[in-house]
């Protein structure tokens, strides 16, 4: 049981380390994080409801998580095949497409929350 708990705690340490690495080194994550902070400020400014907060937090988390996974896919692809390869390019494009879908979803949620409050 001790080993199980220790393993889970170490998993949390590694996950935190990965999140810090992403924030320090990846411009796309830094942009998404800054937008998340901006939207958090907007949420307080416009006094959004608890339900709106839930959707907003889920949307921010979705985009940052998918962006992180995209970064991991790109790192793996570059490690496996550092030179240009059509299949690696396709894999990277698909991963970037997932980020695009998450971002469009988040923007739609943001629109539902903020457009009525702004106008």
PDB file of N, CA and C in Angstrom:
ATOM      1  N   UNK A   1       0.825  -1.200   0.000  1.00  0.00           N
ATOM      2  CA  UNK A   1       0.000   0.000   0.000  1.00  0.00           C
ATOM      3  C   UNK A   1       0.867   1.262   0.000  1.00  0.00           C
ATOM      4  N   UNK A   2       1.968   1.236   0.771  1.00  0.00           N
ATOM      5  CA  UNK A   2       2.862   2.390   0.812  1.00  0.00           C
ATOM      6  C   UNK A   2       3.443   2.673  -0.566  1.00  0.00           C
ATOM      7  N   UNK A   3       3.844   1.615  -1.272  1.00  0.00           N
ATOM      8  CA  UNK A   3       4.421   1.780  -2.607  1.00  0.00           C
ATOM      9  C   UNK A   3       3.402   2.363  -3.573  1.00  0.00           C
ATOM     10  N   UNK A   4       2.146   1.946  -3.436  1.00  0.00           N
ATOM     11  CA  UNK A   4       1.084   2.472  -4.292  1.00  0.00           C
ATOM     12  C   UNK A   4       0.933   3.974  -4.082  1.00  0.00           C
ATOM     13  N   UNK A   5       0.853   4.377  -2.828  1.00  0.00           N
ATOM     14  CA  UNK A   5       0.690   5.801  -2.508  1.00  0.00           C
ATOM     15  C   UNK A   5       1.915   6.587  -2.956  1.00  0.00           C
ATOM     16  N   UNK A   6       3.110   6.043  -2.700  1.00  0.00           N
ATOM     17  CA  UNK A   6       4.338   6.712  -3.116  1.00  0.00           C
ATOM     18  C   UNK A   6       4.379   6.866  -4.640  1.00  0.00           C
ATOM     19  N   UNK A   7       3.961   5.833  -5.358  1.00  0.00           N
ATOM     20  CA  UNK A   7       3.918   5.892  -6.817  1.00  0.00           C
ATOM     21  C   UNK A   7       2.975   6.962  -7.323  1.00  0.00           C
ATOM     22  N   UNK A   8       1.803   7.088  -6.690  1.00  0.00           N
ATOM     23  CA  UNK A   8       0.842   8.119  -7.096  1.00  0.00           C
ATOM     24  C   UNK A   8       1.382   9.504  -6.793  1.00  0.00           C
ATOM     25  N   UNK A   9       2.054   9.652  -5.661  1.00  0.00           N
ATOM     26  CA  UNK A   9       2.625  10.951  -5.313  1.00  0.00           C
ATOM     27  C   UNK A   9       3.731  11.336  -6.296  1.00  0.00           C
ATOM     28  N   UNK A  10       4.557  10.375  -6.675  1.00  0.00           N
ATOM     29  CA  UNK A  10       5.619  10.650  -7.650  1.00  0.00           C
ATOM     30  C   UNK A  10       5.010  10.993  -9.010  1.00  0.00           C
ATOM     31  N   UNK A  11       3.922  10.337  -9.354  1.00  0.00           N
ATOM     32  CA  UNK A  11       3.225  10.668 -10.597  1.00  0.00           C
ATOM     33  C   UNK A  11       2.769  12.120 -10.594  1.00  0.00           C
ATOM     34  N   UNK A  12       2.286  12.580  -9.466  1.00  0.00           N
ATOM     35  CA  UNK A  12       1.873  13.975  -9.341  1.00  0.00           C
ATOM     36  C   UNK A  12       3.053  14.931  -9.468  1.00  0.00           C
ATOM     37  N   UNK A  13       4.189  14.541  -8.893  1.00  0.00           N
ATOM     38  CA  UNK A  13       5.402  15.360  -8.998  1.00  0.00           C
ATOM     39  C   UNK A  13       5.835  15.468 -10.460  1.00  0.00           C
ATOM     40  N   UNK A  14       5.831  14.330 -11.180  1.00  0.00           N
ATOM     41  CA  UNK A  14       6.218  14.339 -12.591  1.00  0.00           C
ATOM     42  C   UNK A  14       5.251  15.169 -13.434  1.00  0.00           C
ATOM     43  N   UNK A  15       3.963  15.070 -13.113  1.00  0.00           N
ATOM     44  CA  UNK A  15       2.965  15.847 -13.846  1.00  0.00           C
ATOM     45  C   UNK A  15       3.169  17.342 -13.620  1.00  0.00           C
ATOM     46  N   UNK A  16       3.428  17.738 -12.388  1.00  0.00           N
ATOM     47  CA  UNK A  16       3.694  19.144 -12.082  1.00  0.00           C
ATOM     48  C   UNK A  16       4.957  19.608 -12.801  1.00  0.00           C
ATOM     49  N   UNK A  17       5.983  18.766 -12.814  1.00  0.00           N
ATOM     50  CA  UNK A  17       7.220  19.091 -13.530  1.00  0.00           C
ATOM     51  C   UNK A  17       6.932  19.327 -15.014  1.00  0.00           C
ATOM     52  N   UNK A  18       6.120  18.461 -15.615  1.00  0.00           N
ATOM     53  CA  UNK A  18       5.763  18.618 -17.025  1.00  0.00           C
ATOM     54  C   UNK A  18       5.005  19.907 -17.281  1.00  0.00           C
ATOM     55  N   UNK A  19       4.077  20.246 -16.388  1.00  0.00           N
ATOM     56  CA  UNK A  19       3.306  21.484 -16.545  1.00  0.00           C
ATOM     57  C   UNK A  19       4.221  22.702 -16.455  1.00  0.00           C
ATOM     58  N   UNK A  20       5.178  22.673 -15.539  1.00  0.00           N
ATOM     59  CA  UNK A  20       6.115  23.789 -15.394  1.00  0.00           C
ATOM     60  C   UNK A  20       6.998  23.905 -16.630  1.00  0.00           C
ATOM     61  N   UNK A  21       7.474  22.771 -17.142  1.00  0.00           N
ATOM     62  CA  UNK A  21       8.284  22.780 -18.366  1.00  0.00           C
ATOM     63  C   UNK A  21       7.490  23.393 -19.515  1.00  0.00           C
ATOM     64  N   UNK A  22       6.231  22.994 -19.660  1.00  0.00           N
ATOM     65  CA  UNK A  22       5.386  23.549 -20.718  1.00  0.00           C
ATOM     66  C   UNK A  22       5.258  25.061 -20.584  1.00  0.00           C
ATOM     67  N   UNK A  23       4.967  25.534 -19.380  1.00  0.00           N
ATOM     68  CA  UNK A  23       4.792  26.977 -19.172  1.00  0.00           C
ATOM     69  C   UNK A  23       6.083  27.758 -19.406  1.00  0.00           C
ATOM     70  N   UNK A  24       7.212  27.155 -19.086  1.00  0.00           N
ATOM     71  CA  UNK A  24       8.494  27.854 -19.248  1.00  0.00           C
ATOM     72  C   UNK A  24       8.988  27.858 -20.695  1.00  0.00           C
ATOM     73  N   UNK A  25       8.669  26.805 -21.461  1.00  0.00           N
ATOM     74  CA  UNK A  25       9.340  26.628 -22.747  1.00  0.00           C
ATOM     75  C   UNK A  25       8.451  26.732 -23.981  1.00  0.00           C
ATOM     76  N   UNK A  26       7.160  26.587 -23.844  1.00  0.00           N
ATOM     77  CA  UNK A  26       6.286  26.516 -25.019  1.00  0.00           C
ATOM     78  C   UNK A  26       5.459  27.792 -25.179  1.00  0.00           C
ATOM     79  N   UNK A  27       5.752  28.531 -26.248  1.00  0.00           N
ATOM     80  CA  UNK A  27       5.055  29.798 -26.495  1.00  0.00           C
ATOM     81  C   UNK A  27       3.547  29.595 -26.624  1.00  0.00           C
ATOM     82  N   UNK A  28       3.126  28.523 -27.281  1.00  0.00           N
ATOM     83  CA  UNK A  28       1.686  28.299 -27.460  1.00  0.00           C
ATOM     84  C   UNK A  28       0.990  28.072 -26.118  1.00  0.00           C
ATOM     85  N   UNK A  29       1.634  27.373 -25.213  1.00  0.00           N
ATOM     86  CA  UNK A  29       1.067  27.155 -23.877  1.00  0.00           C
ATOM     87  C   UNK A  29       1.043  28.479 -23.105  1.00  0.00           C
ATOM     88  N   UNK A  30       2.090  29.273 -23.245  1.00  0.00           N
ATOM     89  CA  UNK A  30       2.139  30.578 -22.568  1.00  0.00           C
ATOM     90  C   UNK A  30       1.002  31.474 -23.038  1.00  0.00           C
ATOM     91  N   UNK A  31       0.730  31.464 -24.343  1.00  0.00           N
ATOM     92  CA  UNK A  31      -0.374  32.265 -24.886  1.00  0.00           C
ATOM     93  C   UNK A  31      -1.700  31.759 -24.341  1.00  0.00           C
ATOM     94  N   UNK A  32      -1.901  30.438 -24.371  1.00  0.00           N
ATOM     95  CA  UNK A  32      -3.164  29.873 -23.879  1.00  0.00           C
ATOM     96  C   UNK A  32      -3.340  30.159 -22.386  1.00  0.00           C
ATOM     97  N   UNK A  33      -2.258  30.068 -21.628  1.00  0.00           N
ATOM     98  CA  UNK A  33      -2.311  30.348 -20.196  1.00  0.00           C
ATOM     99  C   UNK A  33      -2.668  31.817 -19.951  1.00  0.00           C
ATOM    100  N   UNK A  34      -2.042  32.723 -20.708  1.00  0.00           N
ATOM    101  CA  UNK A  34      -2.345  34.155 -20.570  1.00  0.00           C
ATOM    102  C   UNK A  34      -3.807  34.434 -20.915  1.00  0.00           C
ATOM    103  N   UNK A  35      -4.303  33.802 -21.984  1.00  0.00           N
ATOM    104  CA  UNK A  35      -5.722  33.967 -22.329  1.00  0.00           C
ATOM    105  C   UNK A  35      -6.617  33.424 -21.223  1.00  0.00           C
ATOM    106  N   UNK A  36      -6.215  32.318 -20.614  1.00  0.00           N
ATOM    107  CA  UNK A  36      -6.976  31.768 -19.492  1.00  0.00           C
ATOM    108  C   UNK A  36      -7.039  32.739 -18.326  1.00  0.00           C
ATOM    109  N   UNK A  37      -5.895  33.396 -18.029  1.00  0.00           N
ATOM    110  CA  UNK A  37      -5.885  34.400 -16.961  1.00  0.00           C
ATOM    111  C   UNK A  37      -6.771  35.589 -17.312  1.00  0.00           C
ATOM    112  N   UNK A  38      -6.705  36.029 -18.573  1.00  0.00           N
ATOM    113  CA  UNK A  38      -7.533  37.140 -19.033  1.00  0.00           C
ATOM    114  C   UNK A  38      -9.017  36.801 -18.904  1.00  0.00           C
ATOM    115  N   UNK A  39      -9.383  35.591 -19.285  1.00  0.00           N
ATOM    116  CA  UNK A  39     -10.785  35.177 -19.179  1.00  0.00           C
ATOM    117  C   UNK A  39     -11.215  34.991 -17.735  1.00  0.00           C
ATOM    118  N   UNK A  40     -10.286  34.598 -16.875  1.00  0.00           N
ATOM    119  CA  UNK A  40     -10.606  34.511 -15.448  1.00  0.00           C
ATOM    120  C   UNK A  40     -10.915  35.901 -14.902  1.00  0.00           C
ATOM    121  N   UNK A  41     -10.096  36.883 -15.290  1.00  0.00           N
ATOM    122  CA  UNK A  41     -10.372  38.269 -14.902  1.00  0.00           C
ATOM    123  C   UNK A  41     -11.751  38.698 -15.435  1.00  0.00           C
ATOM    124  N   UNK A  42     -12.015  38.383 -16.714  1.00  0.00           N
ATOM    125  CA  UNK A  42     -13.305  38.757 -17.313  1.00  0.00           C
ATOM    126  C   UNK A  42     -14.461  38.109 -16.562  1.00  0.00           C
ATOM    127  N   UNK A  43     -14.269  36.873 -16.121  1.00  0.00           N
ATOM    128  CA  UNK A  43     -15.317  36.192 -15.359  1.00  0.00           C
ATOM    129  C   UNK A  43     -15.673  36.924 -14.081  1.00  0.00           C
ATOM    130  N   UNK A  44     -14.653  37.415 -13.385  1.00  0.00           N
ATOM    131  CA  UNK A  44     -14.910  38.196 -12.170  1.00  0.00           C
ATOM    132  C   UNK A  44     -15.521  39.552 -12.519  1.00  0.00           C
ATOM    133  N   UNK A  45     -15.001  40.174 -13.569  1.00  0.00           N
ATOM    134  CA  UNK A  45     -15.489  41.495 -13.974  1.00  0.00           C
ATOM    135  C   UNK A  45     -16.976  41.449 -14.349  1.00  0.00           C
ATOM    136  N   UNK A  46     -17.363  40.433 -15.107  1.00  0.00           N
ATOM    137  CA  UNK A  46     -18.757  40.321 -15.561  1.00  0.00           C
ATOM    138  C   UNK A  46     -19.618  39.494 -14.614  1.00  0.00           C
ATOM    139  N   UNK A  47     -19.040  39.080 -13.498  1.00  0.00           N
ATOM    140  CA  UNK A  47     -19.788  38.333 -12.481  1.00  0.00           C
ATOM    141  C   UNK A  47     -20.553  37.155 -13.088  1.00  0.00           C
ATOM    142  N   UNK A  48     -19.842  36.277 -13.791  1.00  0.00           N
ATOM    143  CA  UNK A  48     -20.501  35.150 -14.440  1.00  0.00           C
ATOM    144  C   UNK A  48     -21.006  34.155 -13.387  1.00  0.00           C
ATOM    145  N   UNK A  49     -22.004  33.382 -13.767  1.00  0.00           N
ATOM    146  CA  UNK A  49     -22.650  32.439 -12.853  1.00  0.00           C
ATOM    147  C   UNK A  49     -21.752  31.225 -12.590  1.00  0.00           C
ATOM    148  N   UNK A  50     -22.131  30.427 -11.600  1.00  0.00           N
ATOM    149  CA  UNK A  50     -21.380  29.202 -11.302  1.00  0.00           C
ATOM    150  C   UNK A  50     -21.352  28.266 -12.510  1.00  0.00           C
ATOM    151  N   UNK A  51     -22.469  28.159 -13.192  1.00  0.00           N
ATOM    152  CA  UNK A  51     -22.523  27.300 -14.378  1.00  0.00           C
ATOM    153  C   UNK A  51     -21.600  27.835 -15.470  1.00  0.00           C
ATOM    154  N   UNK A  52     -21.608  29.142 -15.665  1.00  0.00           N
ATOM    155  CA  UNK A  52     -20.709  29.743 -16.654  1.00  0.00           C
ATOM    156  C   UNK A  52     -19.246  29.532 -16.268  1.00  0.00           C
ATOM    157  N   UNK A  53     -18.940  29.633 -14.959  1.00  0.00           N
ATOM    158  CA  UNK A  53     -17.584  29.358 -14.489  1.00  0.00           C
ATOM    159  C   UNK A  53     -17.188  27.925 -14.826  1.00  0.00           C
ATOM    160  N   UNK A  54     -18.095  26.989 -14.613  1.00  0.00           N
ATOM    161  CA  UNK A  54     -17.775  25.584 -14.912  1.00  0.00           C
ATOM    162  C   UNK A  54     -17.440  25.403 -16.379  1.00  0.00           C
ATOM    163  N   UNK A  55     -18.259  25.969 -17.250  1.00  0.00           N
ATOM    164  CA  UNK A  55     -17.994  25.850 -18.682  1.00  0.00           C
ATOM    165  C   UNK A  55     -16.690  26.553 -19.060  1.00  0.00           C
ATOM    166  N   UNK A  56     -16.457  27.714 -18.482  1.00  0.00           N
ATOM    167  CA  UNK A  56     -15.241  28.456 -18.806  1.00  0.00           C
ATOM    168  C   UNK A  56     -14.001  27.690 -18.353  1.00  0.00           C
ATOM    169  N   UNK A  57     -14.010  27.179 -17.138  1.00  0.00           N
ATOM    170  CA  UNK A  57     -12.858  26.429 -16.623  1.00  0.00           C
ATOM    171  C   UNK A  57     -12.626  25.175 -17.451  1.00  0.00           C
ATOM    172  N   UNK A  58     -13.700  24.485 -17.815  1.00  0.00           N
ATOM    173  CA  UNK A  58     -13.557  23.303 -18.678  1.00  0.00           C
ATOM    174  C   UNK A  58     -12.978  23.671 -20.039  1.00  0.00           C
ATOM    175  N   UNK A  59     -13.428  24.785 -20.605  1.00  0.00           N
ATOM    176  CA  UNK A  59     -12.938  25.211 -21.916  1.00  0.00           C
ATOM    177  C   UNK A  59     -11.450  25.578 -21.854  1.00  0.00           C
ATOM    178  N   UNK A  60     -11.053  26.318 -20.827  1.00  0.00           N
ATOM    179  CA  UNK A  60      -9.648  26.689 -20.671  1.00  0.00           C
ATOM    180  C   UNK A  60      -8.797  25.437 -20.477  1.00  0.00           C
ATOM    181  N   UNK A  61      -9.244  24.552 -19.612  1.00  0.00           N
ATOM    182  CA  UNK A  61      -8.516  23.304 -19.369  1.00  0.00           C
ATOM    183  C   UNK A  61      -8.424  22.440 -20.613  1.00  0.00           C
ATOM    184  N   UNK A  62      -9.507  22.391 -21.389  1.00  0.00           N
ATOM    185  CA  UNK A  62      -9.524  21.613 -22.628  1.00  0.00           C
ATOM    186  C   UNK A  62      -8.460  22.122 -23.593  1.00  0.00           C
ATOM    187  N   UNK A  63      -8.435  23.417 -23.822  1.00  0.00           N
ATOM    188  CA  UNK A  63      -7.498  23.987 -24.793  1.00  0.00           C
ATOM    189  C   UNK A  63      -6.056  23.786 -24.335  1.00  0.00           C
ATOM    190  N   UNK A  64      -5.767  24.079 -23.076  1.00  0.00           N
ATOM    191  CA  UNK A  64      -4.394  23.930 -22.593  1.00  0.00           C
ATOM    192  C   UNK A  64      -3.974  22.463 -22.612  1.00  0.00           C
ATOM    193  N   UNK A  65      -4.864  21.567 -22.241  1.00  0.00           N
ATOM    194  CA  UNK A  65      -4.539  20.136 -22.247  1.00  0.00           C
ATOM    195  C   UNK A  65      -4.275  19.617 -23.653  1.00  0.00           C
ATOM    196  N   UNK A  66      -5.134  19.977 -24.594  1.00  0.00           N
ATOM    197  CA  UNK A  66      -4.946  19.521 -25.970  1.00  0.00           C
ATOM    198  C   UNK A  66      -3.685  20.145 -26.563  1.00  0.00           C
ATOM    199  N   UNK A  67      -3.416  21.397 -26.223  1.00  0.00           N
ATOM    200  CA  UNK A  67      -2.179  22.045 -26.680  1.00  0.00           C
ATOM    201  C   UNK A  67      -0.958  21.302 -26.128  1.00  0.00           C
ATOM    202  N   UNK A  68      -1.020  20.883 -24.880  1.00  0.00           N
ATOM    203  CA  UNK A  68       0.082  20.123 -24.282  1.00  0.00           C
ATOM    204  C   UNK A  68       0.261  18.777 -24.979  1.00  0.00           C
ATOM    205  N   UNK A  69      -0.836  18.100 -25.272  1.00  0.00           N
ATOM    206  CA  UNK A  69      -0.748  16.828 -25.995  1.00  0.00           C
ATOM    207  C   UNK A  69      -0.183  17.031 -27.400  1.00  0.00           C
ATOM    208  N   UNK A  70      -0.569  18.113 -28.047  1.00  0.00           N
ATOM    209  CA  UNK A  70      -0.024  18.438 -29.366  1.00  0.00           C
ATOM    210  C   UNK A  70       1.491  18.629 -29.278  1.00  0.00           C
ATOM    211  N   UNK A  71       1.937  19.318 -28.250  1.00  0.00           N
ATOM    212  CA  UNK A  71       3.372  19.517 -28.049  1.00  0.00           C
ATOM    213  C   UNK A  71       4.072  18.176 -27.855  1.00  0.00           C
ATOM    214  N   UNK A  72       3.469  17.288 -27.069  1.00  0.00           N
ATOM    215  CA  UNK A  72       4.063  15.967 -26.852  1.00  0.00           C
ATOM    216  C   UNK A  72       4.147  15.176 -28.154  1.00  0.00           C
ATOM    217  N   UNK A  73       3.093  15.222 -28.973  1.00  0.00           N
ATOM    218  CA  UNK A  73       3.101  14.533 -30.268  1.00  0.00           C
ATOM    219  C   UNK A  73       4.217  15.089 -31.149  1.00  0.00           C
ATOM    220  N   UNK A  74       4.351  16.410 -31.185  1.00  0.00           N
ATOM    221  CA  UNK A  74       5.408  17.027 -31.997  1.00  0.00           C
ATOM    222  C   UNK A  74       6.794  16.618 -31.515  1.00  0.00           C
ATOM    223  N   UNK A  75       6.989  16.584 -30.199  1.00  0.00           N
ATOM    224  CA  UNK A  75       8.287  16.180 -29.644  1.00  0.00           C
ATOM    225  C   UNK A  75       8.613  14.731 -29.999  1.00  0.00           C
ATOM    226  N   UNK A  76       7.636  13.854 -29.869  1.00  0.00           N
ATOM    227  CA  UNK A  76       7.850  12.446 -30.215  1.00  0.00           C
ATOM    228  C   UNK A  76       8.150  12.311 -31.701  1.00  0.00           C
ATOM    229  N   UNK A  77       7.371  12.987 -32.527  1.00  0.00           N
ATOM    230  CA  UNK A  77       7.558  12.907 -33.981  1.00  0.00           C
ATOM    231  C   UNK A  77       8.946  13.405 -34.381  1.00  0.00           C
ATOM    232  N   UNK A  78       9.380  14.515 -33.788  1.00  0.00           N
ATOM    233  CA  UNK A  78      10.699  15.057 -34.110  1.00  0.00           C
ATOM    234  C   UNK A  78      11.821  14.144 -33.619  1.00  0.00           C
ATOM    235  N   UNK A  79      11.591  13.476 -32.501  1.00  0.00           N
ATOM    236  CA  UNK A  79      12.586  12.539 -31.966  1.00  0.00           C
ATOM    237  C   UNK A  79      12.724  11.313 -32.869  1.00  0.00           C
ATOM    238  N   UNK A  80      11.578  10.799 -33.307  1.00  0.00           N
ATOM    239  CA  UNK A  80      11.582   9.603 -34.144  1.00  0.00           C
ATOM    240  C   UNK A  80      12.138   9.892 -35.528  1.00  0.00           C
ATOM    241  N   UNK A  81      11.749  11.030 -36.092  1.00  0.00           N
ATOM    242  CA  UNK A  81      12.163  11.352 -37.465  1.00  0.00           C
ATOM    243  C   UNK A  81      12.467  12.845 -37.542  1.00  0.00           C
ATOM    244  N   UNK A  82      13.713  13.256 -37.214  1.00  0.00           N
ATOM    245  CA  UNK A  82      14.061  14.676 -37.163  1.00  0.00           C
ATOM    246  C   UNK A  82      13.934  15.397 -38.508  1.00  0.00           C
ATOM    247  N   UNK A  83      14.131  14.696 -39.588  1.00  0.00           N
ATOM    248  CA  UNK A  83      14.035  15.319 -40.920  1.00  0.00           C
ATOM    249  C   UNK A  83      12.594  15.305 -41.395  1.00  0.00           C
ATOM    250  N   UNK A  84      12.318  16.137 -42.389  1.00  0.00           N
ATOM    251  CA  UNK A  84      10.952  16.185 -42.923  1.00  0.00           C
ATOM    252  C   UNK A  84      10.539  14.824 -43.474  1.00  0.00           C
ATOM    253  N   UNK A  85       9.322  14.445 -43.146  1.00  0.00           N
ATOM    254  CA  UNK A  85       8.736  13.221 -43.675  1.00  0.00           C
ATOM    255  C   UNK A  85       7.242  13.474 -43.837  1.00  0.00           C
ATOM    256  N   UNK A  86       6.685  13.058 -44.944  1.00  0.00           N
ATOM    257  CA  UNK A  86       5.273  13.318 -45.242  1.00  0.00           C
ATOM    258  C   UNK A  86       4.366  12.772 -44.144  1.00  0.00           C
ATOM    259  N   UNK A  87       4.611  11.566 -43.678  1.00  0.00           N
ATOM    260  CA  UNK A  87       3.751  10.945 -42.659  1.00  0.00           C
ATOM    261  C   UNK A  87       3.866  11.693 -41.320  1.00  0.00           C
ATOM    262  N   UNK A  88       5.085  12.102 -40.957  1.00  0.00           N
ATOM    263  CA  UNK A  88       5.269  12.872 -39.718  1.00  0.00           C
ATOM    264  C   UNK A  88       4.534  14.208 -39.834  1.00  0.00           C
ATOM    265  N   UNK A  89       4.620  14.841 -41.002  1.00  0.00           N
ATOM    266  CA  UNK A  89       3.886  16.083 -41.229  1.00  0.00           C
ATOM    267  C   UNK A  89       2.390  15.898 -41.066  1.00  0.00           C
ATOM    268  N   UNK A  90       1.869  14.795 -41.587  1.00  0.00           N
ATOM    269  CA  UNK A  90       0.442  14.486 -41.447  1.00  0.00           C
ATOM    270  C   UNK A  90       0.066  14.314 -39.976  1.00  0.00           C
ATOM    271  N   UNK A  91       0.886  13.584 -39.247  1.00  0.00           N
ATOM    272  CA  UNK A  91       0.632  13.359 -37.821  1.00  0.00           C
ATOM    273  C   UNK A  91       0.609  14.690 -37.070  1.00  0.00           C
ATOM    274  N   UNK A  92       1.567  15.551 -37.353  1.00  0.00           N
ATOM    275  CA  UNK A  92       1.614  16.856 -36.695  1.00  0.00           C
ATOM    276  C   UNK A  92       0.408  17.716 -37.069  1.00  0.00           C
ATOM    277  N   UNK A  93       0.013  17.664 -38.343  1.00  0.00           N
ATOM    278  CA  UNK A  93      -1.160  18.432 -38.774  1.00  0.00           C
ATOM    279  C   UNK A  93      -2.424  17.963 -38.071  1.00  0.00           C
ATOM    280  N   UNK A  94      -2.570  16.659 -37.912  1.00  0.00           N
ATOM    281  CA  UNK A  94      -3.750  16.117 -37.223  1.00  0.00           C
ATOM    282  C   UNK A  94      -3.770  16.563 -35.764  1.00  0.00           C
ATOM    283  N   UNK A  95      -2.605  16.503 -35.094  1.00  0.00           N
ATOM    284  CA  UNK A  95      -2.528  16.955 -33.697  1.00  0.00           C
ATOM    285  C   UNK A  95      -2.850  18.448 -33.596  1.00  0.00           C
ATOM    286  N   UNK A  96      -2.356  19.246 -34.540  1.00  0.00           N
ATOM    287  CA  UNK A  96      -2.666  20.675 -34.549  1.00  0.00           C
ATOM    288  C   UNK A  96      -4.155  20.896 -34.815  1.00  0.00           C
ATOM    289  N   UNK A  97      -4.739  20.048 -35.638  1.00  0.00           N
ATOM    290  CA  UNK A  97      -6.174  20.134 -35.897  1.00  0.00           C
ATOM    291  C   UNK A  97      -6.990  19.918 -34.631  1.00  0.00           C
ATOM    292  N   UNK A  98      -6.520  19.033 -33.763  1.00  0.00           N
ATOM    293  CA  UNK A  98      -7.214  18.809 -32.492  1.00  0.00           C
ATOM    294  C   UNK A  98      -7.194  20.078 -31.642  1.00  0.00           C
ATOM    295  N   UNK A  99      -6.070  20.790 -31.643  1.00  0.00           N
ATOM    296  CA  UNK A  99      -5.981  22.060 -30.919  1.00  0.00           C
ATOM    297  C   UNK A  99      -6.965  23.068 -31.513  1.00  0.00           C
ATOM    298  N   UNK A 100      -7.024  23.108 -32.837  1.00  0.00           N
ATOM    299  CA  UNK A 100      -7.945  24.016 -33.518  1.00  0.00           C
ATOM    300  C   UNK A 100      -9.392  23.738 -33.098  1.00  0.00           C
ATOM    301  N   UNK A 101      -9.774  22.480 -33.071  1.00  0.00           N
ATOM    302  CA  UNK A 101     -11.146  22.105 -32.684  1.00  0.00           C
ATOM    303  C   UNK A 101     -11.409  22.517 -31.236  1.00  0.00           C
ATOM    304  N   UNK A 102     -10.445  22.265 -30.345  1.00  0.00           N
ATOM    305  CA  UNK A 102     -10.610  22.654 -28.935  1.00  0.00           C
ATOM    306  C   UNK A 102     -10.741  24.168 -28.806  1.00  0.00           C
ATOM    307  N   UNK A 103      -9.930  24.907 -29.566  1.00  0.00           N
ATOM    308  CA  UNK A 103      -9.973  26.369 -29.502  1.00  0.00           C
ATOM    309  C   UNK A 103     -11.301  26.913 -30.021  1.00  0.00           C
ATOM    310  N   UNK A 104     -11.801  26.357 -31.121  1.00  0.00           N
ATOM    311  CA  UNK A 104     -13.105  26.792 -31.658  1.00  0.00           C
ATOM    312  C   UNK A 104     -14.210  26.491 -30.647  1.00  0.00           C
ATOM    313  N   UNK A 105     -14.131  25.330 -30.006  1.00  0.00           N
ATOM    314  CA  UNK A 105     -15.116  24.977 -28.981  1.00  0.00           C
ATOM    315  C   UNK A 105     -15.059  25.975 -27.829  1.00  0.00           C
ATOM    316  N   UNK A 106     -13.845  26.300 -27.382  1.00  0.00           N
ATOM    317  CA  UNK A 106     -13.688  27.258 -26.275  1.00  0.00           C
ATOM    318  C   UNK A 106     -14.181  28.643 -26.666  1.00  0.00           C
ATOM    319  N   UNK A 107     -13.905  29.057 -27.889  1.00  0.00           N
ATOM    320  CA  UNK A 107     -14.373  30.369 -28.346  1.00  0.00           C
ATOM    321  C   UNK A 107     -15.900  30.403 -28.418  1.00  0.00           C
ATOM    322  N   UNK A 108     -16.498  29.319 -28.811  1.00  0.00           N
ATOM    323  CA  UNK A 108     -17.960  29.250 -28.862  1.00  0.00           C
ATOM    324  C   UNK A 108     -18.541  29.371 -27.456  1.00  0.00           C
ATOM    325  N   UNK A 109     -17.956  28.646 -26.517  1.00  0.00           N
ATOM    326  CA  UNK A 109     -18.403  28.731 -25.120  1.00  0.00           C
ATOM    327  C   UNK A 109     -18.233  30.168 -24.612  1.00  0.00           C
ATOM    328  N   UNK A 110     -17.068  30.762 -24.905  1.00  0.00           N
ATOM    329  CA  UNK A 110     -16.832  32.155 -24.498  1.00  0.00           C
ATOM    330  C   UNK A 110     -17.842  33.102 -25.106  1.00  0.00           C
ATOM    331  N   UNK A 111     -18.199  32.859 -26.350  1.00  0.00           N
ATOM    332  CA  UNK A 111     -19.210  33.685 -27.003  1.00  0.00           C
ATOM    333  C   UNK A 111     -20.558  33.596 -26.307  1.00  0.00           C
ATOM    334  N   UNK A 112     -20.961  32.375 -25.952  1.00  0.00           N
ATOM    335  CA  UNK A 112     -22.238  32.203 -25.242  1.00  0.00           C
ATOM    336  C   UNK A 112     -22.220  32.914 -23.891  1.00  0.00           C
ATOM    337  N   UNK A 113     -21.067  32.918 -23.235  1.00  0.00           N
ATOM    338  CA  UNK A 113     -20.979  33.541 -21.909  1.00  0.00           C
ATOM    339  C   UNK A 113     -20.899  35.062 -22.009  1.00  0.00           C
ATOM    340  N   UNK A 114     -20.012  35.577 -22.884  1.00  0.00           N
ATOM    341  CA  UNK A 114     -19.671  36.997 -22.828  1.00  0.00           C
ATOM    342  C   UNK A 114     -20.410  37.906 -23.803  1.00  0.00           C
ATOM    343  N   UNK A 115     -20.834  37.415 -24.945  1.00  0.00           N
ATOM    344  CA  UNK A 115     -21.523  38.300 -25.892  1.00  0.00           C
ATOM    345  C   UNK A 115     -22.769  38.922 -25.282  1.00  0.00           C
ATOM    346  N   UNK A 116     -23.632  38.151 -24.593  1.00  0.00           N
ATOM    347  CA  UNK A 116     -24.802  38.791 -23.973  1.00  0.00           C
ATOM    348  C   UNK A 116     -24.434  39.796 -22.869  1.00  0.00           C
ATOM    349  N   UNK A 117     -23.319  39.572 -22.203  1.00  0.00           N
ATOM    350  CA  UNK A 117     -22.928  40.465 -21.105  1.00  0.00           C
ATOM    351  C   UNK A 117     -22.307  41.759 -21.650  1.00  0.00           C
ATOM    352  N   UNK A 118     -21.589  41.649 -22.783  1.00  0.00           N
ATOM    353  CA  UNK A 118     -20.917  42.821 -23.356  1.00  0.00           C
ATOM    354  C   UNK A 118     -21.918  43.686 -24.114  1.00  0.00           C
ATOM    355  N   UNK A 119     -22.849  43.039 -24.829  1.00  0.00           N
ATOM    356  CA  UNK A 119     -23.814  43.792 -25.640  1.00  0.00           C
ATOM    357  C   UNK A 119     -25.122  43.767 -24.944  1.00  0.00           C
TER     358      UNK A 119
END
